[in-house]
Amino acid sequence: MHHTLRDDIYLRLYPALHRFGGFHILYRMVDRYFEDRVNEAAAHLAYFFLFSVFPIVIFLNALLALFAFDPNLLLSLETVIPQPLLELLSAYLGYLQRARSATLMYTGLALALWFFSRATRSLILDINKAMRIRRQRGPLHLFLLSMLLTVGLLFSVLLALLFVVTGRQVMQWVGQWLPTLVSLIEAWQPLRPLVTAGYFFVLLLAMYTVAPARPVRLAEALPGTLFAMAAWLASSMLFSLYVDNFSRYSLLYGSLGAIIVLMLWLYLLGVVLVMGAHLNAIVATNRQWRQRQAQIMLGDPPHYTFKD
């Protein structure tokens, strides 16, 4: 891991900053936000996220047309996606169900893979930049990794939606043999938002573990994952509250109001994802400093720059 000049200065000031508890982590997070221009990285991610949202919805709608899919089932994702955006996607799904086409499905799949893989590639590069990793993957390796993560993510989301769509039919079939189990599952229905959040938590943890161009243990990726998940949920809830009660986008942007809201939320999501990687890097830097201090006590000369 290569450290910048600011990282070296931070390491030298770490003993003094550490006395203020978690303040030194907050200070470094804010400093890195401006130093690495996280706002620009988030805007880049939001651009590709925006162009991948509707192709993904087109493709998933074409596949889920095989089942009795109710667009309102998307509202079960309100834990991680603001309510106004879910209503927009549900309305779009309702439109697509009236205009089904095999050509539309394949076009949606191609566009979804292209734009979402570009978003994934940008996120991989941003995570490596946050982790101060100089050794980068080759273009082919990076392309294959971004496509693999894209396909894996789309496939996992598809499985999750299929579970939501077919869950009741499966429960009816299981109920013929194990009625007690079905009653137990129905009693846990109020916890479904937690299950949804846990599912996305696993996806984030996998991203922060696989994306860096060096081995990363799950424990190293855990701080940023916890932060990103908590910030994601909080930003979605607060953003939904703001749009519902304080904002009048339709008066300013007219019919484009919902798209503007979607763009703003995707931008916030990009900031959260990139800052999660920065938190992992800060925690790793602090851990290296403590390990180095232990080595100094054993007689090793002091150094403040570390490389993997």
C-alpha atoms as a PDB file:
ATOM      1  CA  MET A   1       0.000   0.000   0.000  1.00  0.00           C
ATOM      2  CA  HIS A   2       1.495   3.289  -1.118  1.00  0.00           C
ATOM      3  CA  HIS A   3       0.801   6.388   0.967  1.00  0.00           C
ATOM      4  CA  THR A   4       0.596   9.973  -0.238  1.00  0.00           C
ATOM      5  CA  LEU A   5       2.310  12.894   1.471  1.00  0.00           C
ATOM      6  CA  ARG A   6      -0.893  13.641   3.386  1.00  0.00           C
ATOM      7  CA  ASP A   7      -1.027  10.034   4.548  1.00  0.00           C
ATOM      8  CA  ASP A   8       2.557  10.304   5.820  1.00  0.00           C
ATOM      9  CA  ILE A   9       1.733  13.525   7.682  1.00  0.00           C
ATOM     10  CA  TYR A  10      -1.359  11.881   9.134  1.00  0.00           C
ATOM     11  CA  LEU A  11       0.733   8.953  10.366  1.00  0.00           C
ATOM     12  CA  ARG A  12       3.132  11.329  12.092  1.00  0.00           C
ATOM     13  CA  LEU A  13       0.216  13.140  13.750  1.00  0.00           C
ATOM     14  CA  TYR A  14      -1.597   9.893  14.588  1.00  0.00           C
ATOM     15  CA  PRO A  15      -0.446   9.722  18.255  1.00  0.00           C
ATOM     16  CA  ALA A  16      -1.873  13.200  18.920  1.00  0.00           C
ATOM     17  CA  LEU A  17      -5.060  12.675  16.905  1.00  0.00           C
ATOM     18  CA  HIS A  18      -5.665   9.290  18.516  1.00  0.00           C
ATOM     19  CA  ARG A  19      -6.248  11.007  21.861  1.00  0.00           C
ATOM     20  CA  PHE A  20      -9.488  12.453  20.477  1.00  0.00           C
ATOM     21  CA  GLY A  21     -11.013   9.012  19.974  1.00  0.00           C
ATOM     22  CA  GLY A  22     -12.729   8.506  16.617  1.00  0.00           C
ATOM     23  CA  PHE A  23     -12.179  12.149  15.650  1.00  0.00           C
ATOM     24  CA  HIS A  24      -8.984  11.292  13.777  1.00  0.00           C
ATOM     25  CA  ILE A  25     -10.909   8.880  11.534  1.00  0.00           C
ATOM     26  CA  LEU A  26     -13.567  11.504  10.820  1.00  0.00           C
ATOM     27  CA  TYR A  27     -10.852  14.073  10.120  1.00  0.00           C
ATOM     28  CA  ARG A  28      -9.117  11.759   7.656  1.00  0.00           C
ATOM     29  CA  MET A  29     -12.400  10.840   5.953  1.00  0.00           C
ATOM     30  CA  VAL A  30     -13.197  14.506   5.306  1.00  0.00           C
ATOM     31  CA  ASP A  31      -9.625  15.182   4.196  1.00  0.00           C
ATOM     32  CA  ARG A  32      -9.655  12.255   1.771  1.00  0.00           C
ATOM     33  CA  TYR A  33     -13.026  13.345   0.377  1.00  0.00           C
ATOM     34  CA  PHE A  34     -11.467  16.571  -0.892  1.00  0.00           C
ATOM     35  CA  GLU A  35      -7.985  15.193  -1.568  1.00  0.00           C
ATOM     36  CA  ASP A  36      -9.232  12.381  -3.838  1.00  0.00           C
ATOM     37  CA  ARG A  37     -12.129  14.401  -5.318  1.00  0.00           C
ATOM     38  CA  VAL A  38     -14.702  11.849  -4.270  1.00  0.00           C
ATOM     39  CA  ASN A  39     -17.469  14.096  -5.616  1.00  0.00           C
ATOM     40  CA  GLU A  40     -16.093  13.677  -9.143  1.00  0.00           C
ATOM     41  CA  ALA A  41     -15.786   9.909  -8.739  1.00  0.00           C
ATOM     42  CA  ALA A  42     -19.373   9.752  -7.451  1.00  0.00           C
ATOM     43  CA  ALA A  43     -20.627  11.788 -10.414  1.00  0.00           C
ATOM     44  CA  HIS A  44     -18.817   9.392 -12.762  1.00  0.00           C
ATOM     45  CA  LEU A  45     -20.446   6.407 -11.074  1.00  0.00           C
ATOM     46  CA  ALA A  46     -23.880   8.046 -11.083  1.00  0.00           C
ATOM     47  CA  TYR A  47     -23.608   8.630 -14.836  1.00  0.00           C
ATOM     48  CA  PHE A  48     -23.120   4.933 -15.609  1.00  0.00           C
ATOM     49  CA  PHE A  49     -25.568   3.838 -12.892  1.00  0.00           C
ATOM     50  CA  LEU A  50     -28.260   6.025 -14.452  1.00  0.00           C
ATOM     51  CA  PHE A  51     -27.787   4.543 -17.916  1.00  0.00           C
ATOM     52  CA  SER A  52     -27.839   0.995 -16.519  1.00  0.00           C
ATOM     53  CA  VAL A  53     -30.981   1.270 -14.355  1.00  0.00           C
ATOM     54  CA  PHE A  54     -33.636   1.132 -17.067  1.00  0.00           C
ATOM     55  CA  PRO A  55     -31.935  -1.542 -19.251  1.00  0.00           C
ATOM     56  CA  ILE A  56     -31.710  -3.715 -16.119  1.00  0.00           C
ATOM     57  CA  VAL A  57     -35.404  -3.144 -15.427  1.00  0.00           C
ATOM     58  CA  ILE A  58     -36.248  -3.981 -19.064  1.00  0.00           C
ATOM     59  CA  PHE A  59     -34.334  -7.261 -18.931  1.00  0.00           C
ATOM     60  CA  LEU A  60     -35.659  -8.324 -15.526  1.00  0.00           C
ATOM     61  CA  ASN A  61     -39.215  -7.526 -16.582  1.00  0.00           C
ATOM     62  CA  ALA A  62     -38.853  -9.711 -19.679  1.00  0.00           C
ATOM     63  CA  LEU A  63     -37.649 -12.641 -17.575  1.00  0.00           C
ATOM     64  CA  LEU A  64     -40.142 -12.163 -14.767  1.00  0.00           C
ATOM     65  CA  ALA A  65     -42.957 -12.085 -17.339  1.00  0.00           C
ATOM     66  CA  LEU A  66     -42.847 -15.881 -17.059  1.00  0.00           C
ATOM     67  CA  PHE A  67     -44.290 -15.483 -13.558  1.00  0.00           C
ATOM     68  CA  ALA A  68     -47.264 -13.623 -12.149  1.00  0.00           C
ATOM     69  CA  PHE A  69     -45.160 -10.586 -11.330  1.00  0.00           C
ATOM     70  CA  ASP A  70     -46.783  -7.617  -9.645  1.00  0.00           C
ATOM     71  CA  PRO A  71     -44.753  -4.385 -10.175  1.00  0.00           C
ATOM     72  CA  ASN A  72     -45.795  -3.258  -6.704  1.00  0.00           C
ATOM     73  CA  LEU A  73     -43.602  -6.025  -5.259  1.00  0.00           C
ATOM     74  CA  LEU A  74     -40.670  -3.689  -5.843  1.00  0.00           C
ATOM     75  CA  LEU A  75     -41.975  -1.659  -2.928  1.00  0.00           C
ATOM     76  CA  SER A  76     -40.509  -4.358  -0.661  1.00  0.00           C
ATOM     77  CA  LEU A  77     -37.102  -2.817  -1.469  1.00  0.00           C
ATOM     78  CA  GLU A  78     -38.011   0.434   0.274  1.00  0.00           C
ATOM     79  CA  THR A  79     -35.372  -0.359   2.907  1.00  0.00           C
ATOM     80  CA  VAL A  80     -32.531   0.362   0.470  1.00  0.00           C
ATOM     81  CA  ILE A  81     -34.209   2.486  -2.238  1.00  0.00           C
ATOM     82  CA  PRO A  82     -36.188   5.699  -1.574  1.00  0.00           C
ATOM     83  CA  GLN A  83     -39.956   5.417  -1.972  1.00  0.00           C
ATOM     84  CA  PRO A  84     -40.296   7.948  -4.867  1.00  0.00           C
ATOM     85  CA  LEU A  85     -37.762   6.025  -6.941  1.00  0.00           C
ATOM     86  CA  LEU A  86     -39.508   2.713  -6.290  1.00  0.00           C
ATOM     87  CA  GLU A  87     -42.769   4.230  -7.497  1.00  0.00           C
ATOM     88  CA  LEU A  88     -41.008   5.415 -10.672  1.00  0.00           C
ATOM     89  CA  LEU A  89     -39.554   1.942 -11.337  1.00  0.00           C
ATOM     90  CA  SER A  90     -42.889   0.246 -10.596  1.00  0.00           C
ATOM     91  CA  ALA A  91     -44.657   2.528 -13.076  1.00  0.00           C
ATOM     92  CA  TYR A  92     -41.976   1.807 -15.672  1.00  0.00           C
ATOM     93  CA  LEU A  93     -42.386  -1.935 -15.105  1.00  0.00           C
ATOM     94  CA  GLY A  94     -46.128  -1.576 -15.589  1.00  0.00           C
ATOM     95  CA  TYR A  95     -45.476   0.096 -18.943  1.00  0.00           C
ATOM     96  CA  LEU A  96     -43.038  -2.626 -20.012  1.00  0.00           C
ATOM     97  CA  GLN A  97     -45.529  -5.368 -19.218  1.00  0.00           C
ATOM     98  CA  ARG A  98     -47.832  -3.849 -21.830  1.00  0.00           C
ATOM     99  CA  ALA A  99     -45.043  -3.746 -24.438  1.00  0.00           C
ATOM    100  CA  ARG A 100     -43.305  -7.103 -24.152  1.00  0.00           C
ATOM    101  CA  SER A 101     -40.818  -8.008 -26.861  1.00  0.00           C
ATOM    102  CA  ALA A 102     -37.974 -10.503 -27.225  1.00  0.00           C
ATOM    103  CA  THR A 103     -35.926  -7.851 -29.022  1.00  0.00           C
ATOM    104  CA  LEU A 104     -36.517  -5.498 -26.118  1.00  0.00           C
ATOM    105  CA  MET A 105     -35.289  -8.145 -23.681  1.00  0.00           C
ATOM    106  CA  TYR A 106     -32.026  -8.811 -25.545  1.00  0.00           C
ATOM    107  CA  THR A 107     -31.437  -5.105 -26.081  1.00  0.00           C
ATOM    108  CA  GLY A 108     -31.985  -4.485 -22.381  1.00  0.00           C
ATOM    109  CA  LEU A 109     -29.558  -7.268 -21.481  1.00  0.00           C
ATOM    110  CA  ALA A 110     -26.830  -5.920 -23.779  1.00  0.00           C
ATOM    111  CA  LEU A 111     -27.198  -2.343 -22.542  1.00  0.00           C
ATOM    112  CA  ALA A 112     -27.391  -3.461 -18.916  1.00  0.00           C
ATOM    113  CA  LEU A 113     -24.183  -5.477 -19.201  1.00  0.00           C
ATOM    114  CA  TRP A 114     -22.349  -2.663 -20.984  1.00  0.00           C
ATOM    115  CA  PHE A 115     -23.291   0.279 -18.787  1.00  0.00           C
ATOM    116  CA  PHE A 116     -23.274  -1.592 -15.485  1.00  0.00           C
ATOM    117  CA  SER A 117     -19.889  -3.150 -16.271  1.00  0.00           C
ATOM    118  CA  ARG A 118     -18.562   0.364 -16.922  1.00  0.00           C
ATOM    119  CA  ALA A 119     -19.943   1.467 -13.555  1.00  0.00           C
ATOM    120  CA  THR A 120     -18.356  -1.574 -11.913  1.00  0.00           C
ATOM    121  CA  ARG A 121     -15.032  -0.855 -13.636  1.00  0.00           C
ATOM    122  CA  SER A 122     -15.080   2.741 -12.396  1.00  0.00           C
ATOM    123  CA  LEU A 123     -15.895   1.574  -8.868  1.00  0.00           C
ATOM    124  CA  ILE A 124     -13.020  -0.933  -8.950  1.00  0.00           C
ATOM    125  CA  LEU A 125     -10.589   1.813  -9.976  1.00  0.00           C
ATOM    126  CA  ASP A 126     -11.945   4.153  -7.284  1.00  0.00           C
ATOM    127  CA  ILE A 127     -11.571   1.458  -4.615  1.00  0.00           C
ATOM    128  CA  ASN A 128      -7.971   0.796  -5.650  1.00  0.00           C
ATOM    129  CA  LYS A 129      -7.246   4.524  -5.596  1.00  0.00           C
ATOM    130  CA  ALA A 130      -8.744   4.791  -2.118  1.00  0.00           C
ATOM    131  CA  MET A 131      -6.657   1.825  -0.948  1.00  0.00           C
ATOM    132  CA  ARG A 132      -3.507   3.544  -2.353  1.00  0.00           C
ATOM    133  CA  ILE A 133      -2.696   0.505  -4.489  1.00  0.00           C
ATOM    134  CA  ARG A 134      -0.231   1.379  -7.225  1.00  0.00           C
ATOM    135  CA  ARG A 135      -0.122  -2.068  -8.791  1.00  0.00           C
ATOM    136  CA  GLN A 136      -3.127  -2.105 -11.119  1.00  0.00           C
ATOM    137  CA  ARG A 137      -4.636  -4.907 -13.148  1.00  0.00           C
ATOM    138  CA  GLY A 138      -4.154  -5.072 -16.894  1.00  0.00           C
ATOM    139  CA  PRO A 139      -6.960  -3.853 -19.197  1.00  0.00           C
ATOM    140  CA  LEU A 140      -8.106  -7.385 -20.041  1.00  0.00           C
ATOM    141  CA  HIS A 141      -8.018  -8.501 -16.405  1.00  0.00           C
ATOM    142  CA  LEU A 142      -9.961  -5.402 -15.348  1.00  0.00           C
ATOM    143  CA  PHE A 143     -12.546  -5.923 -18.090  1.00  0.00           C
ATOM    144  CA  LEU A 144     -13.072  -9.580 -17.198  1.00  0.00           C
ATOM    145  CA  LEU A 145     -13.340  -8.782 -13.488  1.00  0.00           C
ATOM    146  CA  SER A 146     -15.876  -6.005 -14.080  1.00  0.00           C
ATOM    147  CA  MET A 147     -17.948  -8.259 -16.331  1.00  0.00           C
ATOM    148  CA  LEU A 148     -17.772 -11.115 -13.816  1.00  0.00           C
ATOM    149  CA  LEU A 149     -18.931  -8.865 -10.984  1.00  0.00           C
ATOM    150  CA  THR A 150     -21.658  -7.406 -13.192  1.00  0.00           C
ATOM    151  CA  VAL A 151     -23.009 -10.806 -14.219  1.00  0.00           C
ATOM    152  CA  GLY A 152     -22.776 -12.057 -10.639  1.00  0.00           C
ATOM    153  CA  LEU A 153     -24.630  -9.032  -9.293  1.00  0.00           C
ATOM    154  CA  LEU A 154     -27.379  -9.163 -11.927  1.00  0.00           C
ATOM    155  CA  PHE A 155     -27.776 -12.908 -11.400  1.00  0.00           C
ATOM    156  CA  SER A 156     -28.008 -12.522  -7.633  1.00  0.00           C
ATOM    157  CA  VAL A 157     -30.566  -9.711  -7.965  1.00  0.00           C
ATOM    158  CA  LEU A 158     -32.552 -11.888 -10.366  1.00  0.00           C
ATOM    159  CA  LEU A 159     -32.556 -14.760  -7.875  1.00  0.00           C
ATOM    160  CA  ALA A 160     -33.680 -12.411  -5.122  1.00  0.00           C
ATOM    161  CA  LEU A 161     -36.563 -11.091  -7.245  1.00  0.00           C
ATOM    162  CA  LEU A 162     -37.537 -14.610  -8.276  1.00  0.00           C
ATOM    163  CA  PHE A 163     -37.631 -15.552  -4.610  1.00  0.00           C
ATOM    164  CA  VAL A 164     -39.921 -12.605  -3.910  1.00  0.00           C
ATOM    165  CA  VAL A 165     -42.161 -13.444  -6.867  1.00  0.00           C
ATOM    166  CA  THR A 166     -42.407 -17.212  -6.363  1.00  0.00           C
ATOM    167  CA  GLY A 167     -42.050 -17.217  -2.593  1.00  0.00           C
ATOM    168  CA  ARG A 168     -45.780 -17.520  -1.911  1.00  0.00           C
ATOM    169  CA  GLN A 169     -46.217 -20.422  -4.351  1.00  0.00           C
ATOM    170  CA  VAL A 170     -43.252 -22.206  -2.784  1.00  0.00           C
ATOM    171  CA  MET A 171     -44.667 -21.638   0.703  1.00  0.00           C
ATOM    172  CA  GLN A 172     -48.018 -23.082  -0.377  1.00  0.00           C
ATOM    173  CA  TRP A 173     -46.260 -26.184  -1.677  1.00  0.00           C
ATOM    174  CA  VAL A 174     -44.178 -26.535   1.480  1.00  0.00           C
ATOM    175  CA  GLY A 175     -47.287 -25.951   3.600  1.00  0.00           C
ATOM    176  CA  GLN A 176     -48.779 -29.182   2.333  1.00  0.00           C
ATOM    177  CA  TRP A 177     -45.971 -31.076   4.070  1.00  0.00           C
ATOM    178  CA  LEU A 178     -44.682 -28.777   6.831  1.00  0.00           C
ATOM    179  CA  PRO A 179     -47.453 -26.391   7.941  1.00  0.00           C
ATOM    180  CA  THR A 180     -45.581 -25.509  11.141  1.00  0.00           C
ATOM    181  CA  LEU A 181     -42.572 -24.271   9.146  1.00  0.00           C
ATOM    182  CA  VAL A 182     -44.791 -22.047   6.996  1.00  0.00           C
ATOM    183  CA  SER A 183     -46.383 -20.509  10.086  1.00  0.00           C
ATOM    184  CA  LEU A 184     -42.927 -19.789  11.474  1.00  0.00           C
ATOM    185  CA  ILE A 185     -41.798 -18.136   8.232  1.00  0.00           C
ATOM    186  CA  GLU A 186     -44.927 -15.968   8.069  1.00  0.00           C
ATOM    187  CA  ALA A 187     -44.299 -14.847  11.643  1.00  0.00           C
ATOM    188  CA  TRP A 188     -40.909 -13.516  10.503  1.00  0.00           C
ATOM    189  CA  GLN A 189     -42.385 -11.482   7.601  1.00  0.00           C
ATOM    190  CA  PRO A 190     -41.984  -8.150   9.488  1.00  0.00           C
ATOM    191  CA  LEU A 191     -38.224  -8.780   9.427  1.00  0.00           C
ATOM    192  CA  ARG A 192     -38.112  -8.928   5.629  1.00  0.00           C
ATOM    193  CA  PRO A 193     -36.526  -5.433   5.375  1.00  0.00           C
ATOM    194  CA  LEU A 194     -33.647  -6.696   7.522  1.00  0.00           C
ATOM    195  CA  VAL A 195     -33.197  -9.656   5.187  1.00  0.00           C
ATOM    196  CA  THR A 196     -33.076  -7.272   2.218  1.00  0.00           C
ATOM    197  CA  ALA A 197     -30.489  -5.101   3.962  1.00  0.00           C
ATOM    198  CA  GLY A 198     -28.442  -8.186   4.854  1.00  0.00           C
ATOM    199  CA  TYR A 199     -28.482  -9.300   1.229  1.00  0.00           C
ATOM    200  CA  PHE A 200     -27.060  -5.992   0.018  1.00  0.00           C
ATOM    201  CA  PHE A 201     -24.557  -6.065   2.894  1.00  0.00           C
ATOM    202  CA  VAL A 202     -23.135  -9.321   1.532  1.00  0.00           C
ATOM    203  CA  LEU A 203     -22.883  -7.783  -1.955  1.00  0.00           C
ATOM    204  CA  LEU A 204     -20.966  -4.775  -0.595  1.00  0.00           C
ATOM    205  CA  LEU A 205     -18.635  -6.992   1.412  1.00  0.00           C
ATOM    206  CA  ALA A 206     -17.877  -9.034  -1.698  1.00  0.00           C
ATOM    207  CA  MET A 207     -17.158  -5.862  -3.698  1.00  0.00           C
ATOM    208  CA  TYR A 208     -14.737  -4.430  -1.125  1.00  0.00           C
ATOM    209  CA  THR A 209     -12.989  -7.806  -0.865  1.00  0.00           C
ATOM    210  CA  VAL A 210     -12.632  -8.635  -4.560  1.00  0.00           C
ATOM    211  CA  ALA A 211     -12.108  -5.190  -6.136  1.00  0.00           C
ATOM    212  CA  PRO A 212      -8.673  -4.277  -4.643  1.00  0.00           C
ATOM    213  CA  ALA A 213      -5.660  -5.445  -6.668  1.00  0.00           C
ATOM    214  CA  ARG A 214      -4.174  -7.101  -3.586  1.00  0.00           C
ATOM    215  CA  PRO A 215      -5.465  -9.732  -1.161  1.00  0.00           C
ATOM    216  CA  VAL A 216      -8.006  -8.295   1.284  1.00  0.00           C
ATOM    217  CA  ARG A 217      -9.343 -10.286   4.213  1.00  0.00           C
ATOM    218  CA  LEU A 218     -13.008 -10.074   5.136  1.00  0.00           C
ATOM    219  CA  ALA A 219     -12.059  -8.408   8.426  1.00  0.00           C
ATOM    220  CA  GLU A 220     -10.268  -5.637   6.497  1.00  0.00           C
ATOM    221  CA  ALA A 221     -13.310  -4.992   4.304  1.00  0.00           C
ATOM    222  CA  LEU A 222     -15.785  -5.085   7.193  1.00  0.00           C
ATOM    223  CA  PRO A 223     -15.447  -1.460   8.497  1.00  0.00           C
ATOM    224  CA  GLY A 224     -16.132   0.107   5.113  1.00  0.00           C
ATOM    225  CA  THR A 225     -18.964  -2.332   4.445  1.00  0.00           C
ATOM    226  CA  LEU A 226     -20.664  -1.492   7.742  1.00  0.00           C
ATOM    227  CA  PHE A 227     -20.247   2.229   7.067  1.00  0.00           C
ATOM    228  CA  ALA A 228     -21.481   1.987   3.470  1.00  0.00           C
ATOM    229  CA  MET A 229     -24.505  -0.103   4.444  1.00  0.00           C
ATOM    230  CA  ALA A 230     -25.475   2.199   7.321  1.00  0.00           C
ATOM    231  CA  ALA A 231     -24.930   5.333   5.210  1.00  0.00           C
ATOM    232  CA  TRP A 232     -26.854   3.779   2.318  1.00  0.00           C
ATOM    233  CA  LEU A 233     -29.880   3.000   4.494  1.00  0.00           C
ATOM    234  CA  ALA A 234     -29.755   6.377   6.246  1.00  0.00           C
ATOM    235  CA  SER A 235     -29.356   8.358   3.019  1.00  0.00           C
ATOM    236  CA  SER A 236     -32.202   6.450   1.348  1.00  0.00           C
ATOM    237  CA  MET A 237     -34.517   7.061   4.303  1.00  0.00           C
ATOM    238  CA  LEU A 238     -33.606  10.737   4.701  1.00  0.00           C
ATOM    239  CA  PHE A 239     -33.691  11.357   0.961  1.00  0.00           C
ATOM    240  CA  SER A 240     -37.142   9.801   0.730  1.00  0.00           C
ATOM    241  CA  LEU A 241     -38.307  11.949   3.654  1.00  0.00           C
ATOM    242  CA  TYR A 242     -36.885  15.083   2.029  1.00  0.00           C
ATOM    243  CA  VAL A 243     -38.481  14.414  -1.349  1.00  0.00           C
ATOM    244  CA  ASP A 244     -41.864  13.624   0.204  1.00  0.00           C
ATOM    245  CA  ASN A 245     -42.045  16.609   2.531  1.00  0.00           C
ATOM    246  CA  PHE A 246     -39.705  19.416   1.526  1.00  0.00           C
ATOM    247  CA  SER A 247     -38.946  19.175  -2.176  1.00  0.00           C
ATOM    248  CA  ARG A 248     -41.027  20.202  -5.184  1.00  0.00           C
ATOM    249  CA  TYR A 249     -39.011  18.805  -8.071  1.00  0.00           C
ATOM    250  CA  SER A 250     -42.055  18.531 -10.327  1.00  0.00           C
ATOM    251  CA  LEU A 251     -42.596  22.300 -10.173  1.00  0.00           C
ATOM    252  CA  LEU A 252     -39.015  23.003 -11.232  1.00  0.00           C
ATOM    253  CA  TYR A 253     -38.218  20.154 -13.638  1.00  0.00           C
ATOM    254  CA  GLY A 254     -41.689  19.107 -14.786  1.00  0.00           C
ATOM    255  CA  SER A 255     -41.856  15.564 -16.141  1.00  0.00           C
ATOM    256  CA  LEU A 256     -38.090  15.164 -15.605  1.00  0.00           C
ATOM    257  CA  GLY A 257     -38.472  15.573 -11.844  1.00  0.00           C
ATOM    258  CA  ALA A 258     -38.364  11.834 -11.110  1.00  0.00           C
ATOM    259  CA  ILE A 259     -35.210  11.408 -13.231  1.00  0.00           C
ATOM    260  CA  ILE A 260     -33.510  14.299 -11.401  1.00  0.00           C
ATOM    261  CA  VAL A 261     -34.371  12.649  -8.087  1.00  0.00           C
ATOM    262  CA  LEU A 262     -32.936   9.362  -9.366  1.00  0.00           C
ATOM    263  CA  MET A 263     -29.709  11.091 -10.461  1.00  0.00           C
ATOM    264  CA  LEU A 264     -29.263  12.762  -7.072  1.00  0.00           C
ATOM    265  CA  TRP A 265     -29.812   9.507  -5.209  1.00  0.00           C
ATOM    266  CA  LEU A 266     -27.371   7.639  -7.464  1.00  0.00           C
ATOM    267  CA  TYR A 267     -24.819  10.390  -6.811  1.00  0.00           C
ATOM    268  CA  LEU A 268     -25.241   9.952  -3.049  1.00  0.00           C
ATOM    269  CA  LEU A 269     -24.894   6.197  -3.518  1.00  0.00           C
ATOM    270  CA  GLY A 270     -21.624   6.740  -5.399  1.00  0.00           C
ATOM    271  CA  VAL A 271     -20.264   8.908  -2.572  1.00  0.00           C
ATOM    272  CA  VAL A 272     -21.189   6.248  -0.011  1.00  0.00           C
ATOM    273  CA  LEU A 273     -19.550   3.406  -1.977  1.00  0.00           C
ATOM    274  CA  VAL A 274     -16.283   5.283  -2.532  1.00  0.00           C
ATOM    275  CA  MET A 275     -16.068   6.568   1.051  1.00  0.00           C
ATOM    276  CA  GLY A 276     -16.551   3.027   2.328  1.00  0.00           C
ATOM    277  CA  ALA A 277     -13.333   2.065   0.530  1.00  0.00           C
ATOM    278  CA  HIS A 278     -11.571   5.090   2.041  1.00  0.00           C
ATOM    279  CA  LEU A 279     -12.633   4.019   5.529  1.00  0.00           C
ATOM    280  CA  ASN A 280     -11.152   0.567   4.920  1.00  0.00           C
ATOM    281  CA  ALA A 281      -7.894   2.226   3.853  1.00  0.00           C
ATOM    282  CA  ILE A 282      -7.817   4.505   6.923  1.00  0.00           C
ATOM    283  CA  VAL A 283      -8.418   1.611   9.308  1.00  0.00           C
ATOM    284  CA  ALA A 284      -5.702  -0.403   7.541  1.00  0.00           C
ATOM    285  CA  THR A 285      -3.295   2.557   7.820  1.00  0.00           C
ATOM    286  CA  ASN A 286      -3.977   2.872  11.544  1.00  0.00           C
ATOM    287  CA  ARG A 287      -3.444  -0.847  11.981  1.00  0.00           C
ATOM    288  CA  GLN A 288      -0.108  -0.621  10.151  1.00  0.00           C
ATOM    289  CA  TRP A 289       0.949   2.277  12.364  1.00  0.00           C
ATOM    290  CA  ARG A 290       0.254   0.277  15.513  1.00  0.00           C
ATOM    291  CA  GLN A 291       2.117  -2.715  14.108  1.00  0.00           C
ATOM    292  CA  ARG A 292       5.041  -0.478  13.198  1.00  0.00           C
ATOM    293  CA  GLN A 293       5.146   0.986  16.697  1.00  0.00           C
ATOM    294  CA  ALA A 294       5.336  -2.527  18.088  1.00  0.00           C
ATOM    295  CA  GLN A 295       8.280  -3.236  15.761  1.00  0.00           C
ATOM    296  CA  ILE A 296       9.998  -0.014  16.877  1.00  0.00           C
ATOM    297  CA  MET A 297       9.764  -1.147  20.477  1.00  0.00           C
ATOM    298  CA  LEU A 298      11.579  -4.298  19.387  1.00  0.00           C
ATOM    299  CA  GLY A 299      14.427  -2.210  17.924  1.00  0.00           C
ATOM    300  CA  ASP A 300      13.443  -1.718  14.268  1.00  0.00           C
ATOM    301  CA  PRO A 301      14.082   1.754  12.757  1.00  0.00           C
ATOM    302  CA  PRO A 302      10.956   3.939  12.384  1.00  0.00           C
ATOM    303  CA  HIS A 303       9.339   4.241   8.975  1.00  0.00           C
ATOM    304  CA  TYR A 304       6.064   5.893   8.059  1.00  0.00           C
ATOM    305  CA  THR A 305       5.590   4.683   4.499  1.00  0.00           C
ATOM    306  CA  PHE A 306       4.362   1.160   3.924  1.00  0.00           C
ATOM    307  CA  LYS A 307       4.100  -0.893   0.784  1.00  0.00           C
ATOM    308  CA  ASP A 308       2.386  -4.188   0.269  1.00  0.00           C
END
